[in-house]
Amino acid sequence: MALGPGFRQQQRQSQKLAMTQRLQQSIQMLQFNVEELRDFLTQKALENPLIDVDTNWRDNQTSLSAAANVTTRADFIERVSTSNKHSLFEYLLDQIHLTMRATPLRQIVLYLIEYVDVNGYLKIDEATARAETGASPIELLDAITLLQQLDPPGVGARNLQEALMLQTENDDHAPNLAYIILEENFDALVNRQWERLAKQYAVELADISSVYDYVRTLSPVPGAAVGQETTGYIFPDLIVKRVGAELTLKTASMAQPVVKFQGQYFDQLSQHGDQEVTQYLKEKKAEYEWIATSLQQREATIFRVGTAIVQRQADFFLEKTTSLKPLLLRDVAQKLRVHESTISRSINGKYIQTDFGTFELKRFFSQAVTKRPTGGELVSADSVQHRIKALIEAEDKEKPLSDQKILQILKSENVELSRRTVAKYREKMNIPGSSKRKQYLKPER
């Protein structure tokens, strides 16, 4: 049968998982730190009479003050601060360094994030970006695509429509028609022209309504969730202990919430025999079972990621070195056979307690710096920063080392860097330039 202008037939085959909202909340639970998880479970207990959360699951341990107890060994780079406010720019920068190899395309992405505003929108036109970076249209488009694949979903969008499309594309559980309607008929959807859309896509009004309801759950400001001030207290998720030459890892007891099922209350209500009560109890019991399963999965995932980190950085935990080995998110993701976003959620705001301090898991990830010749041994950026710091500490204070001189020393040690990178690492450690480090010492008498 022929269709009139503006109409078309579409046949799609897709496989969706049930309980979309619950699956999304499972992802959120993995991203929560211990404090946020406690608040989330407490709220669930208020909404569900069959859930009981042991309020002492965190308080039975002494909390660790970030100011007093989070220590760094041998000036471990990027220590945890008491009031650490991560901007969207810093959040994106961390992801780029931990997920992308050092290529010209990555340099363009690094350039672009400087023009991402606090709401997550890219505020530079393509012509200007090409003129300033020398990128071809294809290269710039590839760089924007890479930027838009970063977390949070929707970041790097150039307008509201694109932000909503990116969030929908990133959500495996979005309604089937959501993306294509946003792409082709954004204004019609916003203006609630549902009958027209239902005819165009040959679906029921209820289908268009569900797309509209879904879109309303998306964020018009994808970058707003990043940049919140973090708490001044830290609750470790993992504890690593050294026993002789061996390392043991376990989940911290304060990071294991105790969620109980109110079986007696369930049995009492079940005696009523009312159909609505029975259905209500069934739903609430299913919610409890989902939460219990999600908590087990969360704990297992964080433990697996922690195990991979401890194995890779064993020398650090055994106090054989103060430097870290190169480690990227994709390395752990490939080893555990999960997506990089899962690793990112597992390490942000999660901490590991050692005999010599408490550290955020993401601090054990460090990009690699290549030693010459190309293809030779790899050292981490963290190791290079330690070496730069050591050179500066040992320098002649009356003739401090310039960045160029430090570069020459590193090259003599077969570490390939640029002078700009040396300056960047020095500034990252809050070390001033050579002219500001110069001291005029009094001659001895």
Protein backbone atom coordinates (compact mmCIF):
# COMPACT_ATOMS: atom_id res chain seq x y z
CA MET A 1 0.00 0.00 0.00
CA ALA A 2 1.42 3.38 -1.03
CA LEU A 3 1.78 6.03 1.62
CA GLY A 4 1.17 9.71 1.12
CA PRO A 5 3.82 12.45 1.35
CA GLY A 6 5.46 12.69 4.76
CA PHE A 7 4.53 9.13 5.67
CA ARG A 8 6.77 6.10 5.68
CA GLN A 9 6.90 2.59 6.95
CA GLN A 10 9.56 1.52 9.43
CA GLN A 11 10.38 -1.91 10.73
CA ARG A 12 12.77 -2.19 13.62
CA GLN A 13 13.94 -5.12 15.65
CA SER A 14 15.29 -4.39 19.09
CA GLN A 15 15.90 -6.17 22.34
CA LYS A 16 15.22 -4.29 25.55
CA LEU A 17 15.67 -5.24 29.17
CA ALA A 18 12.75 -4.97 31.55
CA MET A 19 12.60 -2.63 34.55
CA THR A 20 14.38 0.21 32.79
CA GLN A 21 14.12 2.57 35.75
CA ARG A 22 15.57 -0.01 38.13
CA LEU A 23 18.46 -0.78 35.83
CA GLN A 24 19.25 2.92 35.61
CA GLN A 25 19.17 3.14 39.41
CA SER A 26 21.56 0.16 39.60
CA ILE A 27 24.02 2.19 37.55
CA GLN A 28 23.52 5.14 39.89
CA MET A 29 24.17 2.92 42.91
CA LEU A 30 27.54 1.94 41.45
CA GLN A 31 28.40 5.61 41.00
CA PHE A 32 27.39 6.59 44.55
CA ASN A 33 30.08 6.96 47.19
CA VAL A 34 29.42 5.46 50.63
CA GLU A 35 27.66 8.55 51.99
CA GLU A 36 25.45 8.95 48.91
CA LEU A 37 24.59 5.25 48.99
CA ARG A 38 23.48 5.52 52.59
CA ASP A 39 21.20 8.45 51.79
CA PHE A 40 19.75 6.59 48.81
CA LEU A 41 18.98 3.45 50.83
CA THR A 42 17.50 5.47 53.68
CA GLN A 43 15.12 7.12 51.21
CA LYS A 44 14.18 3.73 49.77
CA ALA A 45 13.41 2.45 53.27
CA LEU A 46 11.06 5.39 53.81
CA GLU A 47 9.23 4.55 50.57
CA ASN A 48 9.13 0.79 51.08
CA PRO A 49 7.84 -0.62 54.41
CA LEU A 50 9.44 -4.01 53.65
CA ILE A 51 12.97 -2.56 53.60
CA ASP A 52 14.93 -1.95 56.77
CA VAL A 53 18.36 -0.32 56.60
CA ASP A 54 20.70 -0.77 59.54
CA THR A 55 21.53 2.84 60.37
CA ASN A 56 24.69 1.71 62.15
CA TRP A 57 26.22 0.12 59.06
CA ARG A 58 28.39 3.16 58.59
CA ASP A 59 28.46 4.68 62.08
CA ASN A 60 29.97 1.56 63.68
CA GLN A 61 33.27 2.67 62.21
CA THR A 62 35.22 5.82 62.88
CA SER A 63 34.97 8.16 59.93
CA LEU A 64 38.17 9.41 58.40
CA SER A 65 38.59 13.14 58.22
CA ALA A 66 40.11 14.11 54.89
CA ALA A 67 42.14 16.82 56.57
CA ALA A 68 43.60 14.74 59.38
CA ASN A 69 43.81 11.16 58.16
CA VAL A 70 44.09 11.12 54.38
CA THR A 71 47.82 11.03 53.98
CA THR A 72 50.20 10.95 51.08
CA ARG A 73 53.42 8.94 51.02
CA ALA A 74 56.50 10.55 49.52
CA ASP A 75 54.45 13.45 48.17
CA PHE A 76 52.04 11.21 46.29
CA ILE A 77 50.78 13.37 43.44
CA GLU A 78 47.34 14.98 43.58
CA ARG A 79 46.43 14.45 47.21
CA VAL A 80 42.85 14.49 48.44
CA SER A 81 41.82 17.84 49.87
CA THR A 82 39.29 18.61 52.57
CA SER A 83 37.02 20.55 50.27
CA ASN A 84 37.76 19.39 46.77
CA LYS A 85 35.58 20.94 44.12
CA HIS A 86 36.01 19.28 40.74
CA SER A 87 34.96 21.44 37.82
CA LEU A 88 33.41 20.04 34.66
CA PHE A 89 36.61 20.96 32.82
CA GLU A 90 38.75 18.94 35.24
CA TYR A 91 36.32 16.03 35.06
CA LEU A 92 36.49 15.98 31.25
CA LEU A 93 40.26 16.44 31.32
CA ASP A 94 40.69 13.39 33.57
CA GLN A 95 38.58 11.28 31.22
CA ILE A 96 40.52 12.37 28.14
CA HIS A 97 43.89 11.54 29.71
CA LEU A 98 42.66 8.19 31.02
CA THR A 99 40.81 6.99 27.93
CA MET A 100 42.51 8.49 24.85
CA ARG A 101 45.95 7.78 23.49
CA ALA A 102 48.28 10.70 22.78
CA THR A 103 47.32 11.55 19.18
CA PRO A 104 46.75 14.77 17.21
CA LEU A 105 43.01 14.08 17.48
CA ARG A 106 43.26 14.08 21.27
CA GLN A 107 44.91 17.51 21.12
CA ILE A 108 41.86 18.83 19.29
CA VAL A 109 39.57 17.34 21.96
CA LEU A 110 41.69 19.00 24.65
CA TYR A 111 41.27 22.29 22.80
CA LEU A 112 37.50 21.85 22.54
CA ILE A 113 36.88 21.24 26.25
CA GLU A 114 38.17 24.73 26.97
CA TYR A 115 35.03 25.97 25.21
CA VAL A 116 32.56 23.75 27.09
CA ASP A 117 30.54 25.93 29.48
CA VAL A 118 29.42 24.95 32.99
CA ASN A 119 26.15 23.59 31.57
CA GLY A 120 28.02 21.20 29.29
CA TYR A 121 27.45 22.98 25.96
CA LEU A 122 30.18 23.51 23.36
CA LYS A 123 30.42 27.25 22.78
CA ILE A 124 32.67 27.64 19.74
CA ASP A 125 31.70 27.53 16.09
CA GLU A 126 33.37 25.04 13.75
CA ALA A 127 34.97 27.67 11.52
CA THR A 128 36.81 29.26 14.46
CA ALA A 129 37.86 25.88 15.83
CA ARG A 130 39.29 24.80 12.46
CA ALA A 131 41.13 28.10 12.04
CA GLU A 132 42.76 27.90 15.48
CA THR A 133 43.62 24.19 15.43
CA GLY A 134 44.38 23.70 11.75
CA ALA A 135 42.05 20.70 11.77
CA SER A 136 40.22 19.56 8.65
CA PRO A 137 36.40 19.39 8.74
CA ILE A 138 36.56 15.59 9.15
CA GLU A 139 39.13 15.80 11.98
CA LEU A 140 37.08 18.40 13.84
CA LEU A 141 33.92 16.34 13.47
CA ASP A 142 35.76 13.27 14.81
CA ALA A 143 37.06 15.30 17.77
CA ILE A 144 33.56 16.61 18.59
CA THR A 145 32.24 13.05 18.40
CA LEU A 146 34.91 11.89 20.87
CA LEU A 147 34.06 14.78 23.19
CA GLN A 148 30.37 13.90 23.05
CA GLN A 149 31.15 10.32 24.07
CA LEU A 150 32.49 11.47 27.44
CA ASP A 151 30.55 11.51 30.69
CA PRO A 152 28.11 13.08 31.58
CA PRO A 153 25.84 12.09 28.67
CA GLY A 154 24.97 15.13 26.56
CA VAL A 155 28.23 16.98 27.18
CA GLY A 156 29.65 18.74 24.13
CA ALA A 157 26.24 19.39 22.61
CA ARG A 158 25.83 22.61 20.66
CA ASN A 159 22.14 23.11 21.43
CA LEU A 160 19.31 21.64 23.52
CA GLN A 161 18.12 19.34 20.75
CA GLU A 162 21.56 17.76 20.37
CA ALA A 163 21.97 17.45 24.15
CA LEU A 164 18.73 15.45 24.39
CA MET A 165 19.69 13.33 21.37
CA LEU A 166 23.06 12.48 22.90
CA GLN A 167 21.47 11.45 26.19
CA THR A 168 18.95 9.31 24.35
CA GLU A 169 21.63 7.70 22.21
CA ASN A 170 23.60 6.87 25.35
CA ASP A 171 20.58 5.20 27.00
CA ASP A 172 20.00 1.60 25.89
CA HIS A 173 16.56 1.72 27.48
CA ALA A 174 15.18 4.78 25.68
CA PRO A 175 11.89 4.33 23.79
CA ASN A 176 12.44 3.09 20.24
CA LEU A 177 11.24 6.26 18.53
CA ALA A 178 12.76 8.77 20.95
CA TYR A 179 15.98 9.48 19.06
CA ILE A 180 14.48 9.71 15.59
CA ILE A 181 11.65 11.98 16.75
CA LEU A 182 14.13 14.28 18.50
CA GLU A 183 16.23 14.34 15.34
CA GLU A 184 13.45 14.86 12.78
CA ASN A 185 10.57 16.49 14.68
CA PHE A 186 11.98 18.16 17.77
CA ASP A 187 9.72 21.22 17.51
CA ALA A 188 6.61 19.11 16.91
CA LEU A 189 7.35 17.02 20.02
CA VAL A 190 7.99 20.10 22.16
CA ASN A 191 4.77 21.69 20.91
CA ARG A 192 2.86 18.48 21.75
CA GLN A 193 1.70 17.83 18.16
CA TRP A 194 1.19 14.20 19.07
CA GLU A 195 -1.53 13.31 16.58
CA ARG A 196 0.62 14.44 13.68
CA LEU A 197 3.62 12.47 14.99
CA ALA A 198 1.50 9.37 15.62
CA LYS A 199 0.29 9.43 11.99
CA GLN A 200 3.76 10.12 10.60
CA TYR A 201 5.37 7.21 12.44
CA ALA A 202 2.30 4.93 12.28
CA VAL A 203 2.10 4.43 16.04
CA GLU A 204 -0.42 5.02 18.81
CA LEU A 205 -0.80 8.33 20.63
CA ALA A 206 0.31 6.54 23.79
CA ASP A 207 3.66 5.75 22.13
CA ILE A 208 4.28 9.43 21.37
CA SER A 209 3.16 10.33 24.88
CA SER A 210 5.67 7.88 26.37
CA VAL A 211 8.44 9.43 24.25
CA TYR A 212 7.44 12.88 25.52
CA ASP A 213 7.42 11.66 29.14
CA TYR A 214 10.83 10.09 28.63
CA VAL A 215 12.34 13.24 27.13
CA ARG A 216 11.11 15.21 30.14
CA THR A 217 13.33 13.01 32.35
CA LEU A 218 16.44 14.09 30.44
CA SER A 219 18.60 16.98 31.62
CA PRO A 220 18.59 20.26 29.65
CA VAL A 221 21.90 21.11 31.37
CA PRO A 222 24.01 17.91 31.20
CA GLY A 223 27.03 19.51 32.85
CA ALA A 224 25.17 20.76 35.91
CA ALA A 225 25.65 17.54 37.89
CA VAL A 226 29.42 17.95 37.81
CA GLY A 227 31.25 20.46 39.94
CA GLN A 228 29.48 19.84 43.22
CA GLU A 229 31.51 20.35 46.36
CA THR A 230 32.57 17.06 47.93
CA THR A 231 32.23 16.17 51.56
CA GLY A 232 35.03 16.68 54.06
CA TYR A 233 34.80 13.09 55.30
CA ILE A 234 35.93 9.93 53.59
CA PHE A 235 34.70 6.39 54.11
CA PRO A 236 37.00 3.81 52.49
CA ASP A 237 35.42 1.23 50.22
CA LEU A 238 38.42 -1.13 50.20
CA ILE A 239 41.25 -1.99 52.58
CA VAL A 240 44.58 -3.36 51.40
CA LYS A 241 46.96 -4.96 53.90
CA ARG A 242 50.55 -6.05 53.48
CA VAL A 243 51.36 -9.40 55.06
CA GLY A 244 55.03 -10.03 54.48
CA ALA A 245 55.57 -9.89 50.73
CA GLU A 246 51.88 -10.49 50.00
CA LEU A 247 48.94 -8.12 49.65
CA THR A 248 45.39 -8.87 50.78
CA LEU A 249 42.36 -6.86 49.73
CA LYS A 250 38.95 -6.77 51.36
CA THR A 251 35.84 -4.64 51.32
CA ALA A 252 35.66 -2.18 54.21
CA SER A 253 32.88 -3.06 56.65
CA MET A 254 31.63 0.54 56.65
CA ALA A 255 31.11 0.28 52.88
CA GLN A 256 28.80 -2.73 53.20
CA PRO A 257 25.24 -1.56 53.89
CA VAL A 258 22.96 -3.94 55.76
CA VAL A 259 19.55 -4.09 54.11
CA LYS A 260 17.01 -6.36 55.79
CA PHE A 261 13.64 -7.71 54.67
CA GLN A 262 10.75 -7.04 57.05
CA GLY A 263 9.45 -10.61 56.85
CA GLN A 264 7.15 -10.40 59.86
CA TYR A 265 5.42 -7.29 58.53
CA PHE A 266 5.10 -8.97 55.10
CA ASP A 267 3.47 -12.06 56.64
CA GLN A 268 1.00 -9.98 58.64
CA LEU A 269 -0.18 -7.99 55.62
CA SER A 270 -0.37 -11.12 53.49
CA GLN A 271 -3.12 -12.46 55.76
CA HIS A 272 -5.61 -9.81 54.59
CA GLY A 273 -6.18 -11.45 51.24
CA ASP A 274 -7.03 -8.13 49.57
CA GLN A 275 -5.97 -8.17 45.90
CA GLU A 276 -4.59 -4.62 45.92
CA VAL A 277 -2.60 -5.30 49.10
CA THR A 278 -1.27 -8.52 47.61
CA GLN A 279 -0.13 -6.70 44.46
CA TYR A 280 1.41 -3.92 46.55
CA LEU A 281 3.38 -6.43 48.64
CA LYS A 282 4.53 -8.21 45.51
CA GLU A 283 5.92 -4.99 44.03
CA LYS A 284 7.62 -3.91 47.26
CA LYS A 285 9.18 -7.34 47.77
CA ALA A 286 10.49 -7.28 44.20
CA GLU A 287 12.01 -3.86 44.88
CA TYR A 288 13.77 -5.19 47.98
CA GLU A 289 15.17 -8.14 46.02
CA TRP A 290 16.39 -5.80 43.28
CA ILE A 291 18.15 -3.54 45.82
CA ALA A 292 19.79 -6.51 47.55
CA THR A 293 21.03 -7.87 44.21
CA SER A 294 22.25 -4.44 43.05
CA LEU A 295 24.22 -3.97 46.28
CA GLN A 296 25.93 -7.32 45.79
CA GLN A 297 26.81 -6.42 42.21
CA ARG A 298 28.09 -3.00 43.29
CA GLU A 299 30.35 -4.52 45.94
CA ALA A 300 31.63 -7.20 43.56
CA THR A 301 32.38 -4.68 40.80
CA ILE A 302 34.29 -2.29 43.06
CA PHE A 303 36.23 -5.23 44.52
CA ARG A 304 37.17 -6.53 41.04
CA VAL A 305 38.34 -3.09 39.97
CA GLY A 306 40.28 -2.69 43.23
CA THR A 307 41.92 -6.08 42.68
CA ALA A 308 43.05 -5.05 39.19
CA ILE A 309 44.50 -1.80 40.57
CA VAL A 310 46.37 -3.54 43.41
CA GLN A 311 47.79 -6.12 41.02
CA ARG A 312 49.03 -3.44 38.61
CA GLN A 313 50.36 -1.08 41.31
CA ALA A 314 51.61 -3.78 43.70
CA ASP A 315 55.03 -2.15 44.12
CA PHE A 316 53.39 1.02 45.40
CA PHE A 317 51.31 -0.85 47.99
CA LEU A 318 54.36 -2.89 49.02
CA GLU A 319 56.21 0.43 49.50
CA LYS A 320 58.87 -0.56 46.99
CA THR A 321 58.31 2.63 45.01
CA THR A 322 56.54 5.96 45.33
CA SER A 323 55.66 6.05 41.64
CA LEU A 324 52.79 4.51 39.74
CA LYS A 325 52.87 2.37 36.63
CA PRO A 326 50.95 3.48 33.53
CA LEU A 327 47.30 2.45 33.80
CA LEU A 328 44.30 3.55 31.73
CA LEU A 329 40.60 2.98 32.24
CA ARG A 330 40.52 0.93 29.06
CA ASP A 331 43.23 -1.39 30.42
CA VAL A 332 41.09 -2.40 33.39
CA ALA A 333 37.91 -2.41 31.28
CA GLN A 334 39.45 -4.87 28.83
CA LYS A 335 40.80 -7.05 31.61
CA LEU A 336 37.42 -7.25 33.38
CA ARG A 337 35.46 -7.29 30.10
CA VAL A 338 33.24 -4.37 30.99
CA HIS A 339 32.68 -0.90 29.52
CA GLU A 340 35.02 1.94 30.41
CA SER A 341 32.09 3.87 31.88
CA THR A 342 31.65 1.06 34.44
CA ILE A 343 35.27 1.48 35.54
CA SER A 344 34.83 5.26 35.71
CA ARG A 345 31.77 4.91 37.96
CA SER A 346 33.57 2.34 40.11
CA ILE A 347 36.55 4.57 40.94
CA ASN A 348 35.13 8.08 41.25
CA GLY A 349 34.50 8.92 44.88
CA LYS A 350 35.71 5.47 45.98
CA TYR A 351 38.69 5.13 48.34
CA ILE A 352 41.19 2.48 49.35
CA GLN A 353 42.76 2.42 52.81
CA THR A 354 46.39 1.32 53.20
CA ASP A 355 48.81 1.09 56.10
CA PHE A 356 50.26 4.46 55.09
CA GLY A 357 47.23 6.45 53.99
CA THR A 358 43.91 6.55 52.18
CA PHE A 359 43.70 7.27 48.46
CA GLU A 360 41.00 7.73 45.86
CA LEU A 361 40.95 4.83 43.39
CA LYS A 362 41.10 7.05 40.34
CA ARG A 363 44.49 8.40 41.48
CA PHE A 364 46.05 5.06 40.60
CA PHE A 365 45.38 5.64 36.92
CA SER A 366 48.12 7.41 35.04
CA GLN A 367 48.85 7.87 31.36
CA ALA A 368 52.05 6.49 29.88
CA VAL A 369 55.10 8.40 28.71
CA THR A 370 57.20 6.58 26.11
CA LYS A 371 60.88 5.98 26.58
CA ARG A 372 63.14 6.19 23.55
CA PRO A 373 63.46 4.53 21.15
CA THR A 374 59.80 4.40 20.12
CA GLY A 375 58.25 1.18 21.26
CA GLY A 376 60.55 0.91 24.25
CA GLU A 377 59.69 0.79 27.93
CA LEU A 378 56.75 2.83 29.18
CA VAL A 379 56.80 4.88 32.36
CA SER A 380 53.86 6.66 33.95
CA ALA A 381 53.34 10.40 33.99
CA ASP A 382 53.32 10.06 37.78
CA SER A 383 56.86 8.63 37.71
CA VAL A 384 58.04 11.47 35.52
CA GLN A 385 56.55 14.02 37.90
CA HIS A 386 58.38 12.43 40.81
CA ARG A 387 61.62 12.59 38.84
CA ILE A 388 61.09 16.27 38.01
CA LYS A 389 60.39 17.02 41.67
CA ALA A 390 63.53 15.15 42.74
CA LEU A 391 65.67 17.08 40.23
CA ILE A 392 64.32 20.41 41.48
CA GLU A 393 64.82 19.48 45.13
CA ALA A 394 68.45 18.58 44.42
CA GLU A 395 69.22 21.62 42.24
CA ASP A 396 71.63 24.43 43.04
CA LYS A 397 69.35 27.05 44.57
CA GLU A 398 71.50 29.85 43.17
CA LYS A 399 71.29 28.30 39.68
CA PRO A 400 67.92 26.53 39.53
CA LEU A 401 67.14 24.23 36.64
CA SER A 402 65.12 25.69 33.80
CA ASP A 403 62.41 23.60 32.14
CA GLN A 404 64.70 23.20 29.14
CA LYS A 405 67.52 21.89 31.33
CA ILE A 406 65.16 19.45 33.05
CA LEU A 407 64.04 18.32 29.61
CA GLN A 408 67.64 17.66 28.59
CA ILE A 409 68.27 15.60 31.74
CA LEU A 410 65.15 13.53 31.15
CA LYS A 411 66.12 12.94 27.53
CA SER A 412 69.54 11.75 28.69
CA GLU A 413 67.59 9.22 30.79
CA ASN A 414 65.69 8.16 27.64
CA VAL A 415 62.40 9.82 28.63
CA GLU A 416 60.79 11.51 25.63
CA LEU A 417 58.91 14.72 26.56
CA SER A 418 58.33 18.22 25.28
CA ARG A 419 59.35 21.33 27.20
CA ARG A 420 55.69 22.31 27.42
CA THR A 421 54.89 18.98 29.12
CA VAL A 422 57.70 19.53 31.64
CA ALA A 423 56.23 22.94 32.47
CA LYS A 424 52.74 21.44 32.77
CA TYR A 425 53.92 18.76 35.22
CA ARG A 426 55.86 21.34 37.25
CA GLU A 427 52.82 23.62 37.49
CA LYS A 428 50.64 20.64 38.42
CA MET A 429 52.88 20.10 41.46
CA ASN A 430 52.62 23.82 42.33
CA ILE A 431 56.35 24.33 41.73
CA PRO A 432 57.20 27.83 40.45
CA GLY A 433 59.46 28.53 37.49
CA SER A 434 63.25 28.70 37.79
CA SER A 435 63.35 32.51 38.08
CA LYS A 436 61.04 32.39 41.10
CA ARG A 437 62.99 29.53 42.71
CA LYS A 438 66.32 31.33 42.57
CA GLN A 439 67.85 32.11 45.96
CA TYR A 440 70.85 34.30 46.76
CA LEU A 441 72.70 32.57 49.53
CA LYS A 442 75.01 34.43 51.88
CA PRO A 443 78.67 33.33 51.63
CA GLU A 444 79.96 31.35 54.59
CA ARG A 445 82.43 33.13 56.91
